[in-house]
C-alpha cells in the first residue's frame, strides 16, 4: 500500500516581473523552497525579491516530468527508485524498452 503520509517532492516555481522563465526549487515544503531561494538571492545578488509576482507549486509525475541537468536529459522516477528521484532519460528508455 502507498504511504501517502510521507513528504512528497514538489517543484516551487517563483515568477519574477521581467523574467519569462521561473526560478524552480525542488523541495519537500514551501519553507524549504523559500530558504533555498533566499540563499540563492544572497549568493548571486541577481534576483530581486521585490519583483516576485507569483509562486506555483507542481508535483512531478513519474515517467513524464523531465529536466536537463548538466546538459543531460533526466526523467522523474521518484525517490523510491533513486536517491534524488531523477534518472537519465537514456537509462529510463532502456529500462522501459522504449
PDB file of N, CA and C in Angstrom:
ATOM      1  N   UNK A   1       0.841  -1.193   0.000  1.00  0.00           N
ATOM      2  CA  UNK A   1       0.000   0.000   0.000  1.00  0.00           C
ATOM      3  C   UNK A   1       0.876   1.243   0.000  1.00  0.00           C
ATOM      4  N   UNK A   2       0.462   2.238  -0.717  1.00  0.00           N
ATOM      5  CA  UNK A   2       1.196   3.504  -0.854  1.00  0.00           C
ATOM      6  C   UNK A   2       1.134   4.291   0.450  1.00  0.00           C
ATOM      7  N   UNK A   3       2.296   4.813   0.859  1.00  0.00           N
ATOM      8  CA  UNK A   3       2.365   5.634   2.069  1.00  0.00           C
ATOM      9  C   UNK A   3       2.168   7.097   1.688  1.00  0.00           C
ATOM     10  N   UNK A   4       0.966   7.604   1.831  1.00  0.00           N
ATOM     11  CA  UNK A   4       0.639   8.979   1.453  1.00  0.00           C
ATOM     12  C   UNK A   4       1.036   9.994   2.519  1.00  0.00           C
ATOM     13  N   UNK A   5       1.459   9.515   3.690  1.00  0.00           N
ATOM     14  CA  UNK A   5       1.812  10.439   4.764  1.00  0.00           C
ATOM     15  C   UNK A   5       3.247  10.953   4.641  1.00  0.00           C
ATOM     16  N   UNK A   6       4.094  10.273   3.860  1.00  0.00           N
ATOM     17  CA  UNK A   6       5.472  10.724   3.722  1.00  0.00           C
ATOM     18  C   UNK A   6       5.533  11.979   2.858  1.00  0.00           C
ATOM     19  N   UNK A   7       6.508  12.860   3.127  1.00  0.00           N
ATOM     20  CA  UNK A   7       6.615  14.101   2.349  1.00  0.00           C
ATOM     21  C   UNK A   7       6.881  13.799   0.878  1.00  0.00           C
ATOM     22  N   UNK A   8       6.314  14.591  -0.001  1.00  0.00           N
ATOM     23  CA  UNK A   8       6.463  14.417  -1.442  1.00  0.00           C
ATOM     24  C   UNK A   8       7.257  15.587  -2.024  1.00  0.00           C
ATOM     25  N   UNK A   9       8.114  15.274  -2.973  1.00  0.00           N
ATOM     26  CA  UNK A   9       8.883  16.311  -3.662  1.00  0.00           C
ATOM     27  C   UNK A   9       7.920  17.171  -4.485  1.00  0.00           C
ATOM     28  N   UNK A  10       8.162  18.454  -4.459  1.00  0.00           N
ATOM     29  CA  UNK A  10       7.351  19.390  -5.239  1.00  0.00           C
ATOM     30  C   UNK A  10       8.281  20.369  -5.943  1.00  0.00           C
ATOM     31  N   UNK A  11       7.787  20.937  -7.025  1.00  0.00           N
ATOM     32  CA  UNK A  11       8.518  21.981  -7.733  1.00  0.00           C
ATOM     33  C   UNK A  11       7.854  23.310  -7.390  1.00  0.00           C
ATOM     34  N   UNK A  12       8.603  24.185  -6.772  1.00  0.00           N
ATOM     35  CA  UNK A  12       8.111  25.522  -6.422  1.00  0.00           C
ATOM     36  C   UNK A  12       8.649  26.468  -7.485  1.00  0.00           C
ATOM     37  N   UNK A  13       7.739  27.035  -8.273  1.00  0.00           N
ATOM     38  CA  UNK A  13       8.125  27.905  -9.380  1.00  0.00           C
ATOM     39  C   UNK A  13       7.864  29.352  -8.993  1.00  0.00           C
ATOM     40  N   UNK A  14       8.949  30.121  -8.888  1.00  0.00           N
ATOM     41  CA  UNK A  14       8.879  31.521  -8.498  1.00  0.00           C
ATOM     42  C   UNK A  14       8.967  32.378  -9.760  1.00  0.00           C
ATOM     43  N   UNK A  15       7.937  33.176  -9.999  1.00  0.00           N
ATOM     44  CA  UNK A  15       7.887  34.046 -11.170  1.00  0.00           C
ATOM     45  C   UNK A  15       8.196  35.475 -10.750  1.00  0.00           C
ATOM     46  N   UNK A  16       9.109  36.106 -11.485  1.00  0.00           N
ATOM     47  CA  UNK A  16       9.528  37.466 -11.194  1.00  0.00           C
ATOM     48  C   UNK A  16       9.158  38.384 -12.350  1.00  0.00           C
ATOM     49  N   UNK A  17       8.753  39.604 -12.023  1.00  0.00           N
ATOM     50  CA  UNK A  17       8.430  40.604 -13.042  1.00  0.00           C
ATOM     51  C   UNK A  17       9.656  40.813 -13.925  1.00  0.00           C
ATOM     52  N   UNK A  18       9.431  40.766 -15.235  1.00  0.00           N
ATOM     53  CA  UNK A  18      10.524  40.980 -16.183  1.00  0.00           C
ATOM     54  C   UNK A  18      11.244  39.717 -16.624  1.00  0.00           C
ATOM     55  N   UNK A  19      10.934  38.579 -16.004  1.00  0.00           N
ATOM     56  CA  UNK A  19      11.550  37.310 -16.391  1.00  0.00           C
ATOM     57  C   UNK A  19      10.482  36.370 -16.923  1.00  0.00           C
ATOM     58  N   UNK A  20      10.699  35.827 -18.114  1.00  0.00           N
ATOM     59  CA  UNK A  20       9.712  34.919 -18.707  1.00  0.00           C
ATOM     60  C   UNK A  20       9.720  33.554 -18.033  1.00  0.00           C
ATOM     61  N   UNK A  21      10.908  33.101 -17.646  1.00  0.00           N
ATOM     62  CA  UNK A  21      11.030  31.775 -17.041  1.00  0.00           C
ATOM     63  C   UNK A  21      11.104  31.886 -15.525  1.00  0.00           C
ATOM     64  N   UNK A  22      10.491  30.918 -14.830  1.00  0.00           N
ATOM     65  CA  UNK A  22      10.528  30.954 -13.369  1.00  0.00           C
ATOM     66  C   UNK A  22      11.845  30.411 -12.819  1.00  0.00           C
ATOM     67  N   UNK A  23      12.116  30.728 -11.582  1.00  0.00           N
ATOM     68  CA  UNK A  23      13.191  30.103 -10.826  1.00  0.00           C
ATOM     69  C   UNK A  23      12.529  28.913 -10.133  1.00  0.00           C
ATOM     70  N   UNK A  24      13.048  27.711 -10.356  1.00  0.00           N
ATOM     71  CA  UNK A  24      12.401  26.499  -9.848  1.00  0.00           C
ATOM     72  C   UNK A  24      13.244  25.891  -8.739  1.00  0.00           C
ATOM     73  N   UNK A  25      12.597  25.630  -7.612  1.00  0.00           N
ATOM     74  CA  UNK A  25      13.233  24.967  -6.484  1.00  0.00           C
ATOM     75  C   UNK A  25      12.547  23.625  -6.256  1.00  0.00           C
ATOM     76  N   UNK A  26      13.333  22.581  -6.120  1.00  0.00           N
ATOM     77  CA  UNK A  26      12.792  21.263  -5.777  1.00  0.00           C
ATOM     78  C   UNK A  26      12.910  21.122  -4.272  1.00  0.00           C
ATOM     79  N   UNK A  27      11.782  20.947  -3.611  1.00  0.00           N
ATOM     80  CA  UNK A  27      11.794  20.873  -2.151  1.00  0.00           C
ATOM     81  C   UNK A  27      10.583  20.088  -1.651  1.00  0.00           C
ATOM     82  N   UNK A  28      10.654  19.697  -0.392  1.00  0.00           N
ATOM     83  CA  UNK A  28       9.559  18.956   0.233  1.00  0.00           C
ATOM     84  C   UNK A  28       8.532  19.874   0.880  1.00  0.00           C
ATOM     85  N   UNK A  29       8.900  21.160   1.079  1.00  0.00           N
ATOM     86  CA  UNK A  29       7.958  22.098   1.695  1.00  0.00           C
ATOM     87  C   UNK A  29       8.197  23.504   1.157  1.00  0.00           C
ATOM     88  N   UNK A  30       7.199  24.346   1.313  1.00  0.00           N
ATOM     89  CA  UNK A  30       7.317  25.742   0.878  1.00  0.00           C
ATOM     90  C   UNK A  30       8.412  26.453   1.669  1.00  0.00           C
ATOM     91  N   UNK A  31       8.497  26.160   2.962  1.00  0.00           N
ATOM     92  CA  UNK A  31       9.515  26.804   3.794  1.00  0.00           C
ATOM     93  C   UNK A  31      10.917  26.439   3.315  1.00  0.00           C
ATOM     94  N   UNK A  32      11.127  25.182   2.962  1.00  0.00           N
ATOM     95  CA  UNK A  32      12.424  24.734   2.456  1.00  0.00           C
ATOM     96  C   UNK A  32      12.746  25.420   1.127  1.00  0.00           C
ATOM     97  N   UNK A  33      11.755  25.507   0.243  1.00  0.00           N
ATOM     98  CA  UNK A  33      11.952  26.171  -1.051  1.00  0.00           C
ATOM     99  C   UNK A  33      12.250  27.655  -0.866  1.00  0.00           C
ATOM    100  N   UNK A  34      11.515  28.300   0.034  1.00  0.00           N
ATOM    101  CA  UNK A  34      11.754  29.726   0.306  1.00  0.00           C
ATOM    102  C   UNK A  34      13.169  29.951   0.827  1.00  0.00           C
ATOM    103  N   UNK A  35      13.643  29.072   1.700  1.00  0.00           N
ATOM    104  CA  UNK A  35      15.005  29.187   2.240  1.00  0.00           C
ATOM    105  C   UNK A  35      16.046  28.999   1.135  1.00  0.00           C
ATOM    106  N   UNK A  36      15.781  28.061   0.232  1.00  0.00           N
ATOM    107  CA  UNK A  36      16.693  27.835  -0.891  1.00  0.00           C
ATOM    108  C   UNK A  36      16.751  29.070  -1.782  1.00  0.00           C
ATOM    109  N   UNK A  37      15.596  29.674  -2.058  1.00  0.00           N
ATOM    110  CA  UNK A  37      15.541  30.872  -2.890  1.00  0.00           C
ATOM    111  C   UNK A  37      16.258  32.035  -2.204  1.00  0.00           C
ATOM    112  N   UNK A  38      16.030  32.186  -0.933  1.00  0.00           N
ATOM    113  CA  UNK A  38      16.683  33.259  -0.171  1.00  0.00           C
ATOM    114  C   UNK A  38      18.202  33.107  -0.214  1.00  0.00           C
ATOM    115  N   UNK A  39      18.661  31.875  -0.059  1.00  0.00           N
ATOM    116  CA  UNK A  39      20.098  31.602  -0.116  1.00  0.00           C
ATOM    117  C   UNK A  39      20.657  31.921  -1.499  1.00  0.00           C
ATOM    118  N   UNK A  40      19.915  31.556  -2.537  1.00  0.00           N
ATOM    119  CA  UNK A  40      20.332  31.857  -3.905  1.00  0.00           C
ATOM    120  C   UNK A  40      20.410  33.365  -4.124  1.00  0.00           C
ATOM    121  N   UNK A  41      19.420  34.088  -3.620  1.00  0.00           N
ATOM    122  CA  UNK A  41      19.407  35.556  -3.751  1.00  0.00           C
ATOM    123  C   UNK A  41      20.622  36.176  -3.074  1.00  0.00           C
ATOM    124  N   UNK A  42      20.951  35.667  -1.899  1.00  0.00           N
ATOM    125  CA  UNK A  42      22.085  36.193  -1.142  1.00  0.00           C
ATOM    126  C   UNK A  42      23.401  35.927  -1.868  1.00  0.00           C
ATOM    127  N   UNK A  43      23.537  34.714  -2.411  1.00  0.00           N
ATOM    128  CA  UNK A  43      24.785  34.325  -3.073  1.00  0.00           C
ATOM    129  C   UNK A  43      24.985  35.032  -4.409  1.00  0.00           C
ATOM    130  N   UNK A  44      23.927  35.146  -5.194  1.00  0.00           N
ATOM    131  CA  UNK A  44      24.079  35.654  -6.563  1.00  0.00           C
ATOM    132  C   UNK A  44      23.863  37.157  -6.688  1.00  0.00           C
ATOM    133  N   UNK A  45      23.045  37.727  -5.823  1.00  0.00           N
ATOM    134  CA  UNK A  45      22.706  39.156  -5.880  1.00  0.00           C
ATOM    135  C   UNK A  45      22.059  39.523  -7.217  1.00  0.00           C
ATOM    136  N   UNK A  46      21.462  38.552  -7.907  1.00  0.00           N
ATOM    137  CA  UNK A  46      20.845  38.784  -9.215  1.00  0.00           C
ATOM    138  C   UNK A  46      19.324  38.886  -9.093  1.00  0.00           C
ATOM    139  N   UNK A  47      18.752  38.175  -8.149  1.00  0.00           N
ATOM    140  CA  UNK A  47      17.294  38.117  -8.003  1.00  0.00           C
ATOM    141  C   UNK A  47      16.834  39.174  -7.009  1.00  0.00           C
ATOM    142  N   UNK A  48      15.861  39.979  -7.426  1.00  0.00           N
ATOM    143  CA  UNK A  48      15.274  40.992  -6.557  1.00  0.00           C
ATOM    144  C   UNK A  48      13.931  40.463  -6.050  1.00  0.00           C
ATOM    145  N   UNK A  49      13.880  40.110  -4.783  1.00  0.00           N
ATOM    146  CA  UNK A  49      12.670  39.532  -4.200  1.00  0.00           C
ATOM    147  C   UNK A  49      11.482  40.492  -4.261  1.00  0.00           C
ATOM    148  N   UNK A  50      11.734  41.773  -4.403  1.00  0.00           N
ATOM    149  CA  UNK A  50      10.651  42.746  -4.525  1.00  0.00           C
ATOM    150  C   UNK A  50       9.899  42.591  -5.850  1.00  0.00           C
ATOM    151  N   UNK A  51      10.501  41.891  -6.814  1.00  0.00           N
ATOM    152  CA  UNK A  51       9.877  41.685  -8.119  1.00  0.00           C
ATOM    153  C   UNK A  51       9.135  40.347  -8.209  1.00  0.00           C
ATOM    154  N   UNK A  52       9.056  39.608  -7.105  1.00  0.00           N
ATOM    155  CA  UNK A  52       8.323  38.340  -7.087  1.00  0.00           C
ATOM    156  C   UNK A  52       6.842  38.632  -7.290  1.00  0.00           C
ATOM    157  N   UNK A  53       6.239  37.974  -8.323  1.00  0.00           N
ATOM    158  CA  UNK A  53       4.828  38.230  -8.589  1.00  0.00           C
ATOM    159  C   UNK A  53       3.945  36.995  -8.438  1.00  0.00           C
ATOM    160  N   UNK A  54       4.531  35.786  -8.453  1.00  0.00           N
ATOM    161  CA  UNK A  54       3.699  34.590  -8.370  1.00  0.00           C
ATOM    162  C   UNK A  54       4.546  33.404  -7.948  1.00  0.00           C
ATOM    163  N   UNK A  55       3.933  32.472  -7.234  1.00  0.00           N
ATOM    164  CA  UNK A  55       4.561  31.203  -6.874  1.00  0.00           C
ATOM    165  C   UNK A  55       3.570  30.105  -7.216  1.00  0.00           C
ATOM    166  N   UNK A  56       4.042  29.124  -7.979  1.00  0.00           N
ATOM    167  CA  UNK A  56       3.192  27.993  -8.340  1.00  0.00           C
ATOM    168  C   UNK A  56       3.860  26.713  -7.864  1.00  0.00           C
ATOM    169  N   UNK A  57       3.038  25.770  -7.440  1.00  0.00           N
ATOM    170  CA  UNK A  57       3.554  24.505  -6.920  1.00  0.00           C
ATOM    171  C   UNK A  57       3.075  23.381  -7.823  1.00  0.00           C
ATOM    172  N   UNK A  58       4.011  22.546  -8.240  1.00  0.00           N
ATOM    173  CA  UNK A  58       3.684  21.399  -9.072  1.00  0.00           C
ATOM    174  C   UNK A  58       4.309  20.152  -8.457  1.00  0.00           C
ATOM    175  N   UNK A  59       3.660  19.031  -8.677  1.00  0.00           N
ATOM    176  CA  UNK A  59       4.228  17.757  -8.251  1.00  0.00           C
ATOM    177  C   UNK A  59       4.709  17.011  -9.491  1.00  0.00           C
ATOM    178  N   UNK A  60       5.904  16.421  -9.421  1.00  0.00           N
ATOM    179  CA  UNK A  60       6.408  15.678 -10.570  1.00  0.00           C
ATOM    180  C   UNK A  60       5.587  14.411 -10.814  1.00  0.00           C
ATOM    181  N   UNK A  61       5.523  14.012 -12.080  1.00  0.00           N
ATOM    182  CA  UNK A  61       4.793  12.806 -12.472  1.00  0.00           C
ATOM    183  C   UNK A  61       5.816  11.786 -12.961  1.00  0.00           C
ATOM    184  N   UNK A  62       5.768  10.596 -12.391  1.00  0.00           N
ATOM    185  CA  UNK A  62       6.731   9.554 -12.761  1.00  0.00           C
ATOM    186  C   UNK A  62       6.652   9.246 -14.246  1.00  0.00           C
ATOM    187  N   UNK A  63       7.825   9.237 -14.877  1.00  0.00           N
ATOM    188  CA  UNK A  63       7.917   8.908 -16.286  1.00  0.00           C
ATOM    189  C   UNK A  63       7.507  10.025 -17.223  1.00  0.00           C
ATOM    190  N   UNK A  64       7.040  11.141 -16.688  1.00  0.00           N
ATOM    191  CA  UNK A  64       6.560  12.250 -17.512  1.00  0.00           C
ATOM    192  C   UNK A  64       7.380  13.519 -17.279  1.00  0.00           C
ATOM    193  N   UNK A  65       7.589  13.876 -16.019  1.00  0.00           N
ATOM    194  CA  UNK A  65       8.322  15.108 -15.704  1.00  0.00           C
ATOM    195  C   UNK A  65       9.778  14.966 -16.114  1.00  0.00           C
ATOM    196  N   UNK A  66      10.280  16.005 -16.784  1.00  0.00           N
ATOM    197  CA  UNK A  66      11.653  15.977 -17.286  1.00  0.00           C
ATOM    198  C   UNK A  66      12.389  17.242 -16.894  1.00  0.00           C
ATOM    199  N   UNK A  67      13.711  17.132 -16.882  1.00  0.00           N
ATOM    200  CA  UNK A  67      14.569  18.291 -16.655  1.00  0.00           C
ATOM    201  C   UNK A  67      15.917  18.025 -17.290  1.00  0.00           C
ATOM    202  N   UNK A  68      16.653  19.078 -17.506  1.00  0.00           N
ATOM    203  CA  UNK A  68      18.005  18.954 -18.044  1.00  0.00           C
ATOM    204  C   UNK A  68      18.965  19.328 -16.922  1.00  0.00           C
ATOM    205  N   UNK A  69      19.911  18.435 -16.649  1.00  0.00           N
ATOM    206  CA  UNK A  69      20.898  18.672 -15.592  1.00  0.00           C
ATOM    207  C   UNK A  69      22.286  18.448 -16.187  1.00  0.00           C
ATOM    208  N   UNK A  70      23.123  19.457 -16.140  1.00  0.00           N
ATOM    209  CA  UNK A  70      24.476  19.386 -16.697  1.00  0.00           C
ATOM    210  C   UNK A  70      24.452  18.944 -18.155  1.00  0.00           C
ATOM    211  N   UNK A  71      23.461  19.430 -18.898  1.00  0.00           N
ATOM    212  CA  UNK A  71      23.355  19.137 -20.317  1.00  0.00           C
ATOM    213  C   UNK A  71      22.783  17.767 -20.655  1.00  0.00           C
ATOM    214  N   UNK A  72      22.355  17.012 -19.639  1.00  0.00           N
ATOM    215  CA  UNK A  72      21.820  15.671 -19.860  1.00  0.00           C
ATOM    216  C   UNK A  72      20.348  15.643 -19.450  1.00  0.00           C
ATOM    217  N   UNK A  73      19.503  15.085 -20.312  1.00  0.00           N
ATOM    218  CA  UNK A  73      18.071  14.977 -20.014  1.00  0.00           C
ATOM    219  C   UNK A  73      17.820  13.907 -18.958  1.00  0.00           C
ATOM    220  N   UNK A  74      16.941  14.243 -18.006  1.00  0.00           N
ATOM    221  CA  UNK A  74      16.562  13.324 -16.940  1.00  0.00           C
ATOM    222  C   UNK A  74      15.045  13.197 -16.884  1.00  0.00           C
ATOM    223  N   UNK A  75      14.570  12.069 -16.346  1.00  0.00           N
ATOM    224  CA  UNK A  75      13.145  11.799 -16.177  1.00  0.00           C
ATOM    225  C   UNK A  75      12.897  11.519 -14.701  1.00  0.00           C
ATOM    226  N   UNK A  76      11.781  12.025 -14.174  1.00  0.00           N
ATOM    227  CA  UNK A  76      11.406  11.795 -12.786  1.00  0.00           C
ATOM    228  C   UNK A  76      10.897  10.358 -12.626  1.00  0.00           C
ATOM    229  N   UNK A  77      11.508   9.607 -11.696  1.00  0.00           N
ATOM    230  CA  UNK A  77      11.068   8.242 -11.409  1.00  0.00           C
ATOM    231  C   UNK A  77      10.668   8.070  -9.945  1.00  0.00           C
ATOM    232  N   UNK A  78      10.900   9.091  -9.145  1.00  0.00           N
ATOM    233  CA  UNK A  78      10.515   9.056  -7.736  1.00  0.00           C
ATOM    234  C   UNK A  78      11.674   8.712  -6.821  1.00  0.00           C
ATOM    235  N   UNK A  79      11.591   9.193  -5.606  1.00  0.00           N
ATOM    236  CA  UNK A  79      12.669   8.967  -4.636  1.00  0.00           C
ATOM    237  C   UNK A  79      12.671   7.547  -4.094  1.00  0.00           C
ATOM    238  N   UNK A  80      11.645   6.763  -4.429  1.00  0.00           N
ATOM    239  CA  UNK A  80      11.667   5.349  -4.039  1.00  0.00           C
ATOM    240  C   UNK A  80      12.506   4.527  -5.016  1.00  0.00           C
ATOM    241  N   UNK A  81      12.891   5.133  -6.158  1.00  0.00           N
ATOM    242  CA  UNK A  81      13.692   4.441  -7.168  1.00  0.00           C
ATOM    243  C   UNK A  81      15.147   4.912  -7.137  1.00  0.00           C
ATOM    244  N   UNK A  82      15.358   6.233  -7.077  1.00  0.00           N
ATOM    245  CA  UNK A  82      16.715   6.784  -6.965  1.00  0.00           C
ATOM    246  C   UNK A  82      16.746   7.753  -5.788  1.00  0.00           C
ATOM    247  N   UNK A  83      17.937   8.066  -5.331  1.00  0.00           N
ATOM    248  CA  UNK A  83      18.051   8.906  -4.139  1.00  0.00           C
ATOM    249  C   UNK A  83      17.479  10.305  -4.333  1.00  0.00           C
ATOM    250  N   UNK A  84      17.632  10.867  -5.553  1.00  0.00           N
ATOM    251  CA  UNK A  84      17.102  12.212  -5.786  1.00  0.00           C
ATOM    252  C   UNK A  84      15.845  12.209  -6.661  1.00  0.00           C
ATOM    253  N   UNK A  85      15.400  11.018  -7.091  1.00  0.00           N
ATOM    254  CA  UNK A  85      14.172  10.911  -7.866  1.00  0.00           C
ATOM    255  C   UNK A  85      14.343  11.018  -9.369  1.00  0.00           C
ATOM    256  N   UNK A  86      15.555  11.347  -9.842  1.00  0.00           N
ATOM    257  CA  UNK A  86      15.807  11.544 -11.266  1.00  0.00           C
ATOM    258  C   UNK A  86      16.696  10.439 -11.819  1.00  0.00           C
ATOM    259  N   UNK A  87      16.478  10.078 -13.084  1.00  0.00           N
ATOM    260  CA  UNK A  87      17.314   9.106 -13.783  1.00  0.00           C
ATOM    261  C   UNK A  87      17.551   9.654 -15.188  1.00  0.00           C
ATOM    262  N   UNK A  88      18.717   9.348 -15.742  1.00  0.00           N
ATOM    263  CA  UNK A  88      18.995   9.808 -17.095  1.00  0.00           C
ATOM    264  C   UNK A  88      17.961   9.238 -18.048  1.00  0.00           C
ATOM    265  N   UNK A  89      17.512  10.078 -18.973  1.00  0.00           N
ATOM    266  CA  UNK A  89      16.455   9.673 -19.890  1.00  0.00           C
ATOM    267  C   UNK A  89      16.855   8.444 -20.706  1.00  0.00           C
ATOM    268  N   UNK A  90      18.115   8.363 -21.114  1.00  0.00           N
ATOM    269  CA  UNK A  90      18.572   7.208 -21.896  1.00  0.00           C
ATOM    270  C   UNK A  90      18.439   5.919 -21.090  1.00  0.00           C
ATOM    271  N   UNK A  91      18.770   5.981 -19.818  1.00  0.00           N
ATOM    272  CA  UNK A  91      18.636   4.817 -18.935  1.00  0.00           C
ATOM    273  C   UNK A  91      17.160   4.464 -18.725  1.00  0.00           C
ATOM    274  N   UNK A  92      16.342   5.479 -18.553  1.00  0.00           N
ATOM    275  CA  UNK A  92      14.896   5.277 -18.390  1.00  0.00           C
ATOM    276  C   UNK A  92      14.306   4.563 -19.609  1.00  0.00           C
ATOM    277  N   UNK A  93      14.727   4.996 -20.805  1.00  0.00           N
ATOM    278  CA  UNK A  93      14.221   4.382 -22.034  1.00  0.00           C
ATOM    279  C   UNK A  93      14.684   2.936 -22.169  1.00  0.00           C
ATOM    280  N   UNK A  94      15.928   2.636 -21.744  1.00  0.00           N
ATOM    281  CA  UNK A  94      16.423   1.257 -21.781  1.00  0.00           C
ATOM    282  C   UNK A  94      15.602   0.359 -20.858  1.00  0.00           C
ATOM    283  N   UNK A  95      15.357   0.834 -19.656  1.00  0.00           N
ATOM    284  CA  UNK A  95      14.620   0.063 -18.655  1.00  0.00           C
ATOM    285  C   UNK A  95      13.196  -0.224 -19.133  1.00  0.00           C
ATOM    286  N   UNK A  96      12.601   0.757 -19.800  1.00  0.00           N
ATOM    287  CA  UNK A  96      11.215   0.633 -20.225  1.00  0.00           C
ATOM    288  C   UNK A  96      11.067   0.169 -21.672  1.00  0.00           C
ATOM    289  N   UNK A  97      12.154  -0.297 -22.278  1.00  0.00           N
ATOM    290  CA  UNK A  97      12.145  -0.813 -23.647  1.00  0.00           C
ATOM    291  C   UNK A  97      11.461   0.139 -24.628  1.00  0.00           C
ATOM    292  N   UNK A  98      11.731   1.412 -24.449  1.00  0.00           N
ATOM    293  CA  UNK A  98      11.085   2.410 -25.328  1.00  0.00           C
ATOM    294  C   UNK A  98      11.951   2.734 -26.520  1.00  0.00           C
TER     295      UNK A  98
END
